[in-house]
C-alpha atoms as a PDB file:
ATOM      1  CA  MET A   1     176.991  84.579 165.796  1.00  0.00           C
ATOM      2  CA  LEU A   2     175.368  87.789 164.543  1.00  0.00           C
ATOM      3  CA  ASN A   3     171.649  87.794 165.211  1.00  0.00           C
ATOM      4  CA  ALA A   4     169.387  89.148 162.477  1.00  0.00           C
ATOM      5  CA  PRO A   5     172.061  89.589 159.768  1.00  0.00           C
ATOM      6  CA  GLU A   6     169.514  91.440 157.642  1.00  0.00           C
ATOM      7  CA  ARG A   7     169.390  94.254 160.247  1.00  0.00           C
ATOM      8  CA  ILE A   8     173.114  94.562 161.065  1.00  0.00           C
ATOM      9  CA  TYR A   9     175.103  97.066 159.002  1.00  0.00           C
ATOM     10  CA  PRO A  10     178.890  96.877 159.433  1.00  0.00           C
ATOM     11  CA  LEU A  11     180.944 100.047 159.092  1.00  0.00           C
ATOM     12  CA  ARG A  12     184.724  99.992 158.660  1.00  0.00           C
ATOM     13  CA  LYS A  13     186.874 102.164 160.870  1.00  0.00           C
ATOM     14  CA  GLY A  14     190.560 102.768 161.357  1.00  0.00           C
ATOM     15  CA  ARG A  15     193.296 103.394 158.850  1.00  0.00           C
ATOM     16  CA  TRP A  16     193.841 101.419 155.685  1.00  0.00           C
ATOM     17  CA  THR A  17     195.369 101.739 152.250  1.00  0.00           C
ATOM     18  CA  LEU A  18     195.272 100.019 148.882  1.00  0.00           C
ATOM     19  CA  GLU A  19     198.154  98.080 147.367  1.00  0.00           C
ATOM     20  CA  GLY A  20     197.064  97.232 143.873  1.00  0.00           C
ATOM     21  CA  ASP A  21     193.596  95.718 144.204  1.00  0.00           C
ATOM     22  CA  HIS A  22     194.088  94.562 147.795  1.00  0.00           C
ATOM     23  CA  VAL A  23     193.348  96.361 151.038  1.00  0.00           C
ATOM     24  CA  VAL A  24     196.018  96.697 153.711  1.00  0.00           C
ATOM     25  CA  LEU A  25     194.760  97.466 157.211  1.00  0.00           C
ATOM     26  CA  LEU A  26     197.027  99.638 159.365  1.00  0.00           C
ATOM     27  CA  LYS A  27     197.093  98.983 163.104  1.00  0.00           C
ATOM     28  CA  PRO A  28     199.314 101.220 165.273  1.00  0.00           C
ATOM     29  CA  LYS A  29     202.030  99.200 166.995  1.00  0.00           C
ATOM     30  CA  SER A  30     201.870 101.317 170.106  1.00  0.00           C
ATOM     31  CA  ARG A  31     200.213 104.408 171.474  1.00  0.00           C
ATOM     32  CA  PHE A  32     203.629 105.626 172.626  1.00  0.00           C
ATOM     33  CA  LYS A  33     205.509 107.717 170.088  1.00  0.00           C
ATOM     34  CA  ILE A  34     208.962 106.470 171.103  1.00  0.00           C
ATOM     35  CA  LEU A  35     207.937 102.834 170.602  1.00  0.00           C
ATOM     36  CA  ARG A  36     206.435 103.598 167.202  1.00  0.00           C
ATOM     37  CA  PHE A  37     209.752 105.273 166.306  1.00  0.00           C
ATOM     38  CA  LEU A  38     211.676 102.160 167.335  1.00  0.00           C
ATOM     39  CA  TRP A  39     209.325  99.494 165.973  1.00  0.00           C
ATOM     40  CA  GLY A  40     207.699 101.334 163.080  1.00  0.00           C
ATOM     41  CA  GLU A  41     204.324 102.980 162.909  1.00  0.00           C
ATOM     42  CA  ASN A  42     201.903 100.208 162.043  1.00  0.00           C
ATOM     43  CA  PHE A  43     201.268  96.542 161.719  1.00  0.00           C
ATOM     44  CA  ARG A  44     200.214  95.909 158.116  1.00  0.00           C
ATOM     45  CA  ILE A  45     197.450  93.350 157.676  1.00  0.00           C
ATOM     46  CA  HIS A  46     197.059  92.332 154.049  1.00  0.00           C
ATOM     47  CA  LEU A  47     193.591  91.206 152.965  1.00  0.00           C
ATOM     48  CA  ASP A  48     193.181  88.711 150.166  1.00  0.00           C
ATOM     49  CA  GLU A  49     190.827  89.154 147.219  1.00  0.00           C
ATOM     50  CA  LYS A  50     187.734  88.075 149.174  1.00  0.00           C
ATOM     51  CA  GLY A  51     188.602  90.172 152.212  1.00  0.00           C
ATOM     52  CA  SER A  52     189.274  93.216 150.035  1.00  0.00           C
ATOM     53  CA  PHE A  53     185.938  92.693 148.269  1.00  0.00           C
ATOM     54  CA  VAL A  54     184.091  92.560 151.595  1.00  0.00           C
ATOM     55  CA  TRP A  55     186.039  95.570 152.918  1.00  0.00           C
ATOM     56  CA  GLY A  56     184.709  97.609 149.986  1.00  0.00           C
ATOM     57  CA  LEU A  57     181.148  96.853 151.112  1.00  0.00           C
ATOM     58  CA  LEU A  58     181.644  97.889 154.743  1.00  0.00           C
ATOM     59  CA  ASP A  59     180.290 101.391 154.278  1.00  0.00           C
ATOM     60  CA  GLY A  60     177.288 101.138 156.599  1.00  0.00           C
ATOM     61  CA  THR A  61     174.798 100.819 153.739  1.00  0.00           C
ATOM     62  CA  HIS A  62     174.994  97.028 153.230  1.00  0.00           C
ATOM     63  CA  SER A  63     173.634  94.537 155.744  1.00  0.00           C
ATOM     64  CA  VAL A  64     175.595  91.442 156.729  1.00  0.00           C
ATOM     65  CA  LYS A  65     173.106  89.396 154.738  1.00  0.00           C
ATOM     66  CA  GLU A  66     173.590  91.550 151.610  1.00  0.00           C
ATOM     67  CA  ILE A  67     177.373  91.368 151.930  1.00  0.00           C
ATOM     68  CA  ALA A  68     177.217  87.577 152.261  1.00  0.00           C
ATOM     69  CA  ARG A  69     174.966  87.300 149.212  1.00  0.00           C
ATOM     70  CA  LYS A  70     177.302  89.442 147.084  1.00  0.00           C
ATOM     71  CA  LEU A  71     180.368  87.529 148.309  1.00  0.00           C
ATOM     72  CA  GLY A  72     178.704  84.205 147.518  1.00  0.00           C
ATOM     73  CA  GLU A  73     177.748  85.361 144.026  1.00  0.00           C
ATOM     74  CA  LYS A  74     181.207  86.725 143.184  1.00  0.00           C
ATOM     75  CA  PHE A  75     183.241  83.795 144.527  1.00  0.00           C
ATOM     76  CA  SER A  76     180.737  80.900 144.269  1.00  0.00           C
ATOM     77  CA  LEU A  77     180.856  80.075 147.977  1.00  0.00           C
ATOM     78  CA  GLU A  78     178.691  77.338 149.479  1.00  0.00           C
ATOM     79  CA  ASN A  79     178.051  79.022 152.834  1.00  0.00           C
ATOM     80  CA  PRO A  80     178.796  82.722 152.358  1.00  0.00           C
ATOM     81  CA  LEU A  81     176.883  83.881 155.445  1.00  0.00           C
ATOM     82  CA  GLU A  82     179.058  81.855 157.821  1.00  0.00           C
ATOM     83  CA  SER A  83     182.265  82.958 156.068  1.00  0.00           C
ATOM     84  CA  THR A  84     181.152  86.575 156.139  1.00  0.00           C
ATOM     85  CA  GLN A  85     180.202  86.460 159.804  1.00  0.00           C
ATOM     86  CA  ASN A  86     183.535  84.895 160.763  1.00  0.00           C
ATOM     87  CA  PHE A  87     185.489  87.513 158.813  1.00  0.00           C
ATOM     88  CA  LEU A  88     183.458  90.386 160.249  1.00  0.00           C
ATOM     89  CA  ALA A  89     183.918  89.040 163.770  1.00  0.00           C
ATOM     90  CA  ALA A  90     187.701  88.995 163.262  1.00  0.00           C
ATOM     91  CA  LEU A  91     187.644  92.572 161.970  1.00  0.00           C
ATOM     92  CA  TYR A  92     185.549  93.626 164.955  1.00  0.00           C
ATOM     93  CA  ARG A  93     187.933  91.975 167.422  1.00  0.00           C
ATOM     94  CA  GLY A  94     190.821  93.787 165.717  1.00  0.00           C
ATOM     95  CA  GLY A  95     189.103  97.151 166.086  1.00  0.00           C
ATOM     96  CA  PHE A  96     188.572  97.648 162.334  1.00  0.00           C
ATOM     97  CA  LEU A  97     184.793  97.507 162.346  1.00  0.00           C
ATOM     98  CA  GLU A  98     181.700  98.582 164.197  1.00  0.00           C
ATOM     99  CA  PHE A  99     178.170  97.300 163.837  1.00  0.00           C
ATOM    100  CA  ARG A 100     175.013  99.364 163.515  1.00  0.00           C
ATOM    101  CA  GLU A 101     171.565  97.933 163.783  1.00  0.00           C
ATOM    102  CA  LYS A 102     168.724  99.236 161.629  1.00  0.00           C
ATOM    103  CA  TYR A 103     165.071  98.337 161.892  1.00  0.00           C
END
């Protein structure tokens, strides 16, 4: 999925908050003020323990490969690179993440 995971540095973007130890991503329900008034401001996407751990590493200083290694160590995962790539792809599709490439 992501080529050269050692050179790709994900950076979180968008609004989020903490509830206890878990991250909650905030996605506006609409760009129209009247609809936000009627439906509420944001969708709230609750991340689990693993997702919140990864979210904390998405500061643009950790490569995908480093994030996967740290996730695998903390949670004893068999294939942390694949899990990390899938999670990052979902965040990217949701508009919560951008990728930067460093050489």
